[in-house]
């Protein structure tokens, strides 16, 4: 029996930790319908198909959860188009009143989610076994 890869599990509590999650999620794809904000729980949850840069040639279903959320603002994302697919380029942190600020998820095509948080509280976890993909993400050189 082949060795199954260990699922990725990451926790972010500051901007540096968040940059590691950003790198792991670069080129991940999600449907708009897989983004859920639970205002009462102050939690934003996103489900992605993550390209496994650490392995190559595979994708895996994963979940990203942001806690301590105060507000979520979408720009240039069609929330009514639940089946529309977005591709994540990066996640960044813009400091505000310490330890809070904004976590910004930037998507291809110019859309983004700005998540105002009391503090950085993010968890990324692989949820399924990986599957092969023939198409690796490619980036145009500027």
N, C-alpha and C. Protein backbone atom coordinates (compact mmCIF):
# COMPACT_ATOMS: atom_id res chain seq x y z
N UNK A 1 0.84 -1.17 0.00
CA UNK A 1 0.00 0.00 0.00
C UNK A 1 0.89 1.24 0.00
N UNK A 2 0.60 2.19 -0.89
CA UNK A 2 1.42 3.40 -1.01
C UNK A 2 1.22 4.28 0.22
N UNK A 3 2.28 4.99 0.57
CA UNK A 3 2.18 5.93 1.68
C UNK A 3 1.30 7.09 1.27
N UNK A 4 0.33 7.41 2.11
CA UNK A 4 -0.53 8.55 1.84
C UNK A 4 0.15 9.78 2.45
N UNK A 5 0.11 10.89 1.73
CA UNK A 5 0.76 12.09 2.27
C UNK A 5 0.05 12.60 3.51
N UNK A 6 0.82 13.20 4.40
CA UNK A 6 0.23 13.80 5.60
C UNK A 6 -0.56 15.03 5.18
N UNK A 7 -1.76 15.19 5.71
CA UNK A 7 -2.53 16.39 5.38
C UNK A 7 -1.86 17.62 5.97
N UNK A 8 -1.96 18.72 5.23
CA UNK A 8 -1.41 19.98 5.70
C UNK A 8 -2.35 20.57 6.74
N UNK A 9 -1.79 21.01 7.85
CA UNK A 9 -2.55 21.68 8.90
C UNK A 9 -1.69 22.84 9.41
N UNK A 10 -2.21 24.07 9.21
CA UNK A 10 -1.46 25.26 9.58
C UNK A 10 -2.32 26.18 10.44
N UNK A 11 -1.67 26.86 11.37
CA UNK A 11 -2.32 27.84 12.25
C UNK A 11 -1.57 29.15 12.09
N UNK A 12 -2.32 30.25 11.95
CA UNK A 12 -1.70 31.57 11.85
C UNK A 12 -2.20 32.46 12.98
N UNK A 13 -1.24 33.08 13.68
CA UNK A 13 -1.57 34.00 14.76
C UNK A 13 -0.94 35.37 14.56
N UNK A 14 -0.19 35.53 13.45
CA UNK A 14 0.38 36.84 13.12
C UNK A 14 0.60 36.91 11.61
N UNK A 15 1.08 38.07 11.14
CA UNK A 15 1.24 38.29 9.70
C UNK A 15 2.24 37.31 9.08
N UNK A 16 3.30 36.98 9.80
CA UNK A 16 4.29 36.03 9.26
C UNK A 16 3.67 34.65 9.07
N UNK A 17 2.90 34.19 10.06
CA UNK A 17 2.21 32.90 9.93
C UNK A 17 1.25 32.94 8.75
N UNK A 18 0.55 34.05 8.59
CA UNK A 18 -0.42 34.20 7.50
C UNK A 18 0.26 34.11 6.14
N UNK A 19 1.49 34.58 6.04
CA UNK A 19 2.21 34.49 4.76
C UNK A 19 2.50 33.04 4.38
N UNK A 20 2.67 32.17 5.37
CA UNK A 20 2.88 30.74 5.09
C UNK A 20 1.59 30.14 4.53
N UNK A 21 0.45 30.49 5.13
CA UNK A 21 -0.83 30.01 4.62
C UNK A 21 -1.06 30.55 3.21
N UNK A 22 -0.71 31.80 2.98
CA UNK A 22 -0.85 32.40 1.65
C UNK A 22 -0.07 31.60 0.61
N UNK A 23 1.16 31.24 0.93
CA UNK A 23 1.98 30.47 0.00
C UNK A 23 1.36 29.11 -0.28
N UNK A 24 0.83 28.46 0.74
CA UNK A 24 0.21 27.14 0.56
C UNK A 24 -1.05 27.22 -0.29
N UNK A 25 -1.75 28.36 -0.21
CA UNK A 25 -3.01 28.51 -0.94
C UNK A 25 -2.87 29.22 -2.29
N UNK A 26 -1.67 29.61 -2.67
CA UNK A 26 -1.51 30.28 -3.95
C UNK A 26 -2.07 29.39 -5.06
N UNK A 27 -2.91 29.98 -5.89
CA UNK A 27 -3.55 29.31 -7.03
C UNK A 27 -4.64 28.32 -6.63
N UNK A 28 -5.09 28.37 -5.38
CA UNK A 28 -6.23 27.55 -4.97
C UNK A 28 -7.49 28.11 -5.64
N UNK A 29 -8.43 27.24 -5.95
CA UNK A 29 -9.68 27.68 -6.56
C UNK A 29 -10.85 27.33 -5.66
N UNK A 30 -11.88 28.20 -5.71
CA UNK A 30 -13.08 28.01 -4.90
C UNK A 30 -14.28 28.50 -5.68
N UNK A 31 -15.43 27.95 -5.34
CA UNK A 31 -16.68 28.50 -5.86
C UNK A 31 -17.14 29.58 -4.89
N UNK A 32 -17.78 30.60 -5.41
CA UNK A 32 -18.31 31.67 -4.56
C UNK A 32 -19.22 31.06 -3.48
N UNK A 33 -19.97 30.02 -3.85
CA UNK A 33 -20.86 29.36 -2.90
C UNK A 33 -20.15 28.64 -1.77
N UNK A 34 -18.82 28.48 -1.89
CA UNK A 34 -18.03 27.82 -0.85
C UNK A 34 -17.39 28.81 0.12
N UNK A 35 -17.91 30.05 0.10
CA UNK A 35 -17.45 31.09 1.02
C UNK A 35 -18.63 31.41 1.94
N UNK A 36 -18.43 31.24 3.24
CA UNK A 36 -19.53 31.44 4.18
C UNK A 36 -19.08 32.31 5.35
N UNK A 37 -19.83 33.39 5.58
CA UNK A 37 -19.57 34.26 6.72
C UNK A 37 -20.67 34.03 7.75
N UNK A 38 -20.26 33.64 8.94
CA UNK A 38 -21.19 33.43 10.04
C UNK A 38 -21.02 34.60 11.01
N UNK A 39 -21.86 35.61 10.85
CA UNK A 39 -21.72 36.84 11.62
C UNK A 39 -21.83 36.58 13.13
N UNK A 40 -22.79 35.77 13.54
CA UNK A 40 -22.99 35.50 14.97
C UNK A 40 -21.77 34.81 15.59
N UNK A 41 -21.12 33.95 14.81
CA UNK A 41 -19.93 33.22 15.29
C UNK A 41 -18.64 33.99 15.04
N UNK A 42 -18.77 35.10 14.27
CA UNK A 42 -17.61 35.91 13.90
C UNK A 42 -16.55 35.05 13.21
N UNK A 43 -17.02 34.29 12.19
CA UNK A 43 -16.15 33.33 11.52
C UNK A 43 -16.41 33.36 10.02
N UNK A 44 -15.33 33.34 9.23
CA UNK A 44 -15.41 33.24 7.78
C UNK A 44 -14.76 31.92 7.39
N UNK A 45 -15.49 31.11 6.63
CA UNK A 45 -14.99 29.81 6.21
C UNK A 45 -14.99 29.74 4.69
N UNK A 46 -13.88 29.25 4.13
CA UNK A 46 -13.75 29.10 2.68
C UNK A 46 -13.26 27.69 2.39
N UNK A 47 -13.85 27.04 1.39
CA UNK A 47 -13.39 25.72 0.95
C UNK A 47 -12.72 25.89 -0.41
N UNK A 48 -11.52 25.36 -0.53
CA UNK A 48 -10.72 25.49 -1.74
C UNK A 48 -10.31 24.13 -2.28
N UNK A 49 -9.99 24.08 -3.56
CA UNK A 49 -9.22 23.00 -4.15
C UNK A 49 -7.80 23.57 -4.26
N UNK A 50 -6.94 23.11 -3.39
CA UNK A 50 -5.58 23.65 -3.27
C UNK A 50 -4.62 22.86 -4.14
N UNK A 51 -3.79 23.60 -4.91
CA UNK A 51 -2.71 22.95 -5.65
C UNK A 51 -1.61 22.65 -4.63
N UNK A 52 -1.16 21.42 -4.60
CA UNK A 52 -0.15 21.01 -3.60
C UNK A 52 1.24 21.34 -4.12
N UNK A 53 1.65 22.61 -3.92
CA UNK A 53 2.96 23.04 -4.38
C UNK A 53 4.06 22.18 -3.77
N UNK A 54 3.86 21.71 -2.55
CA UNK A 54 4.88 20.91 -1.88
C UNK A 54 5.01 19.52 -2.50
N UNK A 55 4.03 19.08 -3.27
CA UNK A 55 4.04 17.76 -3.88
C UNK A 55 4.09 17.87 -5.41
N UNK A 56 3.34 18.82 -5.95
CA UNK A 56 3.28 19.00 -7.41
C UNK A 56 2.39 17.96 -8.07
N UNK A 57 1.64 18.39 -9.06
CA UNK A 57 0.81 17.47 -9.83
C UNK A 57 -0.43 16.98 -9.12
N UNK A 58 -0.78 17.58 -7.98
CA UNK A 58 -1.95 17.14 -7.23
C UNK A 58 -2.72 18.34 -6.70
N UNK A 59 -4.01 18.11 -6.49
CA UNK A 59 -4.86 19.06 -5.76
C UNK A 59 -5.48 18.32 -4.59
N UNK A 60 -5.94 19.10 -3.61
CA UNK A 60 -6.59 18.53 -2.43
C UNK A 60 -7.66 19.52 -1.98
N UNK A 61 -8.75 19.02 -1.46
CA UNK A 61 -9.80 19.88 -0.90
C UNK A 61 -9.33 20.32 0.48
N UNK A 62 -9.44 21.61 0.76
CA UNK A 62 -9.02 22.11 2.06
C UNK A 62 -9.98 23.19 2.53
N UNK A 63 -9.88 23.50 3.80
CA UNK A 63 -10.70 24.54 4.38
C UNK A 63 -9.84 25.59 5.06
N UNK A 64 -10.22 26.84 4.89
CA UNK A 64 -9.58 27.96 5.58
C UNK A 64 -10.64 28.60 6.45
N UNK A 65 -10.33 28.76 7.72
CA UNK A 65 -11.27 29.41 8.62
C UNK A 65 -10.57 30.59 9.31
N UNK A 66 -11.22 31.75 9.23
CA UNK A 66 -10.74 32.95 9.89
C UNK A 66 -11.66 33.25 11.05
N UNK A 67 -11.09 33.44 12.23
CA UNK A 67 -11.88 33.74 13.42
C UNK A 67 -11.71 35.19 13.83
N UNK A 68 -12.46 35.60 14.85
CA UNK A 68 -12.43 36.96 15.37
C UNK A 68 -12.76 38.00 14.32
N UNK A 69 -13.69 37.64 13.41
CA UNK A 69 -14.05 38.51 12.29
C UNK A 69 -15.06 39.56 12.74
N UNK A 70 -14.78 40.81 12.40
CA UNK A 70 -15.67 41.92 12.71
C UNK A 70 -16.55 42.29 11.52
N UNK A 71 -16.01 42.17 10.30
CA UNK A 71 -16.75 42.53 9.09
C UNK A 71 -16.07 41.91 7.88
N UNK A 72 -16.86 41.67 6.83
CA UNK A 72 -16.33 41.15 5.57
C UNK A 72 -16.87 42.02 4.44
N UNK A 73 -15.96 42.48 3.59
CA UNK A 73 -16.36 43.31 2.44
C UNK A 73 -15.81 42.67 1.18
N UNK A 74 -16.69 42.42 0.21
CA UNK A 74 -16.30 41.85 -1.07
C UNK A 74 -16.23 42.96 -2.11
N UNK A 75 -15.22 42.88 -2.97
CA UNK A 75 -15.08 43.83 -4.06
C UNK A 75 -14.84 43.05 -5.35
N UNK A 76 -15.67 43.33 -6.34
CA UNK A 76 -15.57 42.69 -7.66
C UNK A 76 -15.70 41.16 -7.60
N UNK A 77 -16.52 40.68 -6.68
CA UNK A 77 -16.87 39.26 -6.61
C UNK A 77 -18.39 39.19 -6.72
N UNK A 78 -18.87 38.40 -7.65
CA UNK A 78 -20.32 38.30 -7.86
C UNK A 78 -20.91 37.29 -6.88
N UNK A 79 -21.42 37.80 -5.78
CA UNK A 79 -21.91 36.91 -4.71
C UNK A 79 -23.14 36.13 -5.14
N UNK A 80 -23.90 36.64 -6.10
CA UNK A 80 -25.10 35.93 -6.55
C UNK A 80 -24.75 34.73 -7.41
N UNK A 81 -23.58 34.73 -8.01
CA UNK A 81 -23.15 33.64 -8.89
C UNK A 81 -22.46 32.56 -8.06
N UNK A 82 -23.25 31.76 -7.35
CA UNK A 82 -22.71 30.78 -6.40
C UNK A 82 -21.76 29.76 -7.04
N UNK A 83 -21.96 29.46 -8.35
CA UNK A 83 -21.10 28.49 -9.02
C UNK A 83 -19.88 29.12 -9.69
N UNK A 84 -19.78 30.45 -9.67
CA UNK A 84 -18.62 31.12 -10.25
C UNK A 84 -17.36 30.69 -9.50
N UNK A 85 -16.29 30.48 -10.24
CA UNK A 85 -15.03 30.02 -9.66
C UNK A 85 -14.06 31.19 -9.56
N UNK A 86 -13.41 31.29 -8.41
CA UNK A 86 -12.39 32.31 -8.19
C UNK A 86 -11.06 31.62 -7.89
N UNK A 87 -9.98 32.28 -8.29
CA UNK A 87 -8.63 31.75 -8.06
C UNK A 87 -7.89 32.68 -7.12
N UNK A 88 -7.43 32.15 -6.00
CA UNK A 88 -6.74 32.94 -4.99
C UNK A 88 -5.30 33.20 -5.41
N UNK A 89 -4.90 34.47 -5.37
CA UNK A 89 -3.52 34.82 -5.67
C UNK A 89 -2.69 34.95 -4.40
N UNK A 90 -3.25 35.61 -3.38
CA UNK A 90 -2.47 35.84 -2.15
C UNK A 90 -3.38 36.24 -1.00
N UNK A 91 -2.85 36.09 0.19
CA UNK A 91 -3.49 36.55 1.42
C UNK A 91 -2.49 37.48 2.11
N UNK A 92 -2.95 38.66 2.50
CA UNK A 92 -2.06 39.60 3.17
C UNK A 92 -2.75 40.17 4.40
N UNK A 93 -1.94 40.82 5.24
CA UNK A 93 -2.46 41.42 6.46
C UNK A 93 -2.10 42.89 6.48
N UNK A 94 -3.11 43.72 6.72
CA UNK A 94 -2.90 45.15 6.86
C UNK A 94 -3.16 45.50 8.32
N UNK A 95 -2.11 45.86 9.07
CA UNK A 95 -2.28 46.13 10.50
C UNK A 95 -3.21 47.32 10.74
N UNK A 96 -3.96 47.21 11.81
CA UNK A 96 -4.82 48.28 12.29
C UNK A 96 -4.46 48.54 13.74
N UNK A 97 -5.48 48.74 14.55
CA UNK A 97 -5.23 48.88 15.99
C UNK A 97 -4.83 47.51 16.53
N UNK A 98 -3.58 47.39 17.01
CA UNK A 98 -3.03 46.11 17.43
C UNK A 98 -3.92 45.44 18.47
N UNK A 99 -4.12 44.14 18.35
CA UNK A 99 -3.53 43.23 17.37
C UNK A 99 -4.39 43.06 16.11
N UNK A 100 -5.36 43.92 15.92
CA UNK A 100 -6.30 43.78 14.81
C UNK A 100 -5.80 44.37 13.51
N UNK A 101 -6.68 44.30 12.52
CA UNK A 101 -6.37 44.81 11.19
C UNK A 101 -7.28 44.18 10.17
N UNK A 102 -6.78 44.05 8.96
CA UNK A 102 -7.57 43.46 7.87
C UNK A 102 -6.77 42.37 7.19
N UNK A 103 -7.40 41.23 7.01
CA UNK A 103 -6.85 40.15 6.20
C UNK A 103 -7.48 40.32 4.82
N UNK A 104 -6.62 40.44 3.80
CA UNK A 104 -7.11 40.66 2.44
C UNK A 104 -6.80 39.44 1.59
N UNK A 105 -7.85 38.84 1.02
CA UNK A 105 -7.70 37.73 0.09
C UNK A 105 -7.85 38.31 -1.31
N UNK A 106 -6.79 38.22 -2.10
CA UNK A 106 -6.77 38.78 -3.44
C UNK A 106 -6.94 37.67 -4.46
N UNK A 107 -7.91 37.86 -5.36
CA UNK A 107 -8.23 36.86 -6.36
C UNK A 107 -7.84 37.33 -7.76
N UNK A 108 -7.60 36.39 -8.66
CA UNK A 108 -7.31 36.72 -10.05
C UNK A 108 -8.50 37.50 -10.62
N UNK A 109 -8.22 38.42 -11.51
CA UNK A 109 -9.28 39.21 -12.11
C UNK A 109 -9.60 40.47 -11.35
N UNK A 110 -8.90 40.73 -10.24
CA UNK A 110 -9.06 41.98 -9.52
C UNK A 110 -10.04 41.98 -8.36
N UNK A 111 -10.68 40.86 -8.07
CA UNK A 111 -11.60 40.81 -6.93
C UNK A 111 -10.86 40.55 -5.63
N UNK A 112 -11.47 40.95 -4.53
CA UNK A 112 -10.87 40.64 -3.24
C UNK A 112 -11.93 40.59 -2.14
N UNK A 113 -11.53 39.98 -1.04
CA UNK A 113 -12.30 39.98 0.19
C UNK A 113 -11.46 40.68 1.24
N UNK A 114 -12.04 41.67 1.90
CA UNK A 114 -11.35 42.37 2.99
C UNK A 114 -12.05 41.95 4.28
N UNK A 115 -11.30 41.29 5.14
CA UNK A 115 -11.84 40.73 6.37
C UNK A 115 -11.26 41.50 7.56
N UNK A 116 -12.09 42.32 8.18
CA UNK A 116 -11.66 43.07 9.36
C UNK A 116 -11.67 42.11 10.55
N UNK A 117 -10.53 42.05 11.26
CA UNK A 117 -10.40 41.10 12.37
C UNK A 117 -9.88 41.79 13.63
N UNK A 118 -10.27 41.23 14.78
CA UNK A 118 -9.74 41.70 16.07
C UNK A 118 -8.28 41.31 16.21
N UNK A 119 -7.95 40.14 15.66
CA UNK A 119 -6.59 39.62 15.69
C UNK A 119 -6.48 38.56 14.59
N UNK A 120 -5.26 38.18 14.25
CA UNK A 120 -5.06 37.10 13.27
C UNK A 120 -5.34 35.78 13.96
N UNK A 121 -6.32 35.07 13.43
CA UNK A 121 -6.75 33.77 13.97
C UNK A 121 -7.21 32.95 12.78
N UNK A 122 -6.26 32.26 12.14
CA UNK A 122 -6.57 31.52 10.91
C UNK A 122 -6.09 30.08 11.03
N UNK A 123 -6.90 29.17 10.45
CA UNK A 123 -6.56 27.76 10.42
C UNK A 123 -6.78 27.26 9.00
N UNK A 124 -5.79 26.54 8.47
CA UNK A 124 -5.89 25.89 7.16
C UNK A 124 -5.71 24.40 7.37
N UNK A 125 -6.60 23.59 6.80
CA UNK A 125 -6.48 22.14 6.95
C UNK A 125 -6.92 21.44 5.68
N UNK A 126 -6.11 20.49 5.22
CA UNK A 126 -6.52 19.62 4.12
C UNK A 126 -7.62 18.70 4.63
N UNK A 127 -8.63 18.48 3.77
CA UNK A 127 -9.81 17.73 4.19
C UNK A 127 -9.98 16.39 3.49
N UNK A 128 -9.34 16.23 2.33
CA UNK A 128 -9.51 15.00 1.56
C UNK A 128 -8.14 14.44 1.17
N UNK A 129 -8.17 13.27 0.57
CA UNK A 129 -6.95 12.74 -0.04
C UNK A 129 -6.70 13.51 -1.33
N UNK A 130 -5.45 13.75 -1.69
CA UNK A 130 -5.16 14.46 -2.94
C UNK A 130 -5.54 13.63 -4.16
N UNK A 131 -5.75 14.34 -5.28
CA UNK A 131 -6.02 13.68 -6.54
C UNK A 131 -5.11 14.29 -7.60
N UNK A 132 -4.77 13.51 -8.63
CA UNK A 132 -3.86 14.03 -9.66
C UNK A 132 -4.53 15.09 -10.52
N UNK A 133 -3.73 16.03 -10.98
CA UNK A 133 -4.18 17.04 -11.92
C UNK A 133 -3.13 17.17 -13.01
N UNK A 134 -3.59 17.32 -14.24
CA UNK A 134 -2.64 17.45 -15.36
C UNK A 134 -2.22 18.89 -15.57
N UNK A 135 -2.97 19.83 -14.97
CA UNK A 135 -2.69 21.24 -15.21
C UNK A 135 -2.11 21.90 -13.98
N UNK A 136 -0.85 22.26 -14.08
CA UNK A 136 -0.22 23.01 -13.00
C UNK A 136 -0.48 24.49 -13.24
N UNK A 137 -0.70 25.25 -12.18
CA UNK A 137 -0.89 26.70 -12.35
C UNK A 137 0.34 27.32 -13.01
N UNK A 138 0.11 28.29 -13.89
CA UNK A 138 1.20 28.98 -14.57
C UNK A 138 1.02 30.47 -14.39
N UNK A 139 2.12 31.18 -14.30
CA UNK A 139 2.09 32.63 -14.11
C UNK A 139 2.86 33.29 -15.24
N UNK A 140 2.28 34.33 -15.79
CA UNK A 140 2.96 35.10 -16.81
C UNK A 140 4.08 35.89 -16.15
N UNK A 141 5.22 35.92 -16.81
CA UNK A 141 6.33 36.73 -16.30
C UNK A 141 6.10 38.17 -16.71
N UNK A 142 6.23 39.08 -15.77
CA UNK A 142 6.01 40.50 -16.06
C UNK A 142 7.26 41.14 -16.61
